[in-house]
Amino acid sequence: AAPWKPQVFDAHQNETVVVLTELIIPATDTPGAKAALVNRYLDLLLADGPAPQRESFLAGLAWLDGYALRQHAKPFVRCTAV
């Protein structure tokens, strides 16, 4: 099978979704969001869903990166827990 390629997310957005969802659903004694491929589910959901939902989600990712850049001078995926 060909490697998975997002339909909606670009590479940076996909990485952001992987990091963000793993923060929300971390791996414990059970798999976390990364192992469960939640990013792929969200990409599929947004690809098949209404355009306003997709635009809102992508705007939220952009806001998160902008906030991280303003507060920490690096994108969200490069920030570390304090």
Foldseek 3Di string as FASTA:
>chain_A
DDDDDFPQDDPVLLLLCLVVQCVVFPDDVHHGCNVVVVSNVVSVCLVPDDPVVSVVVVVVQVVQQVVCCVVPVGGPSPDDDD
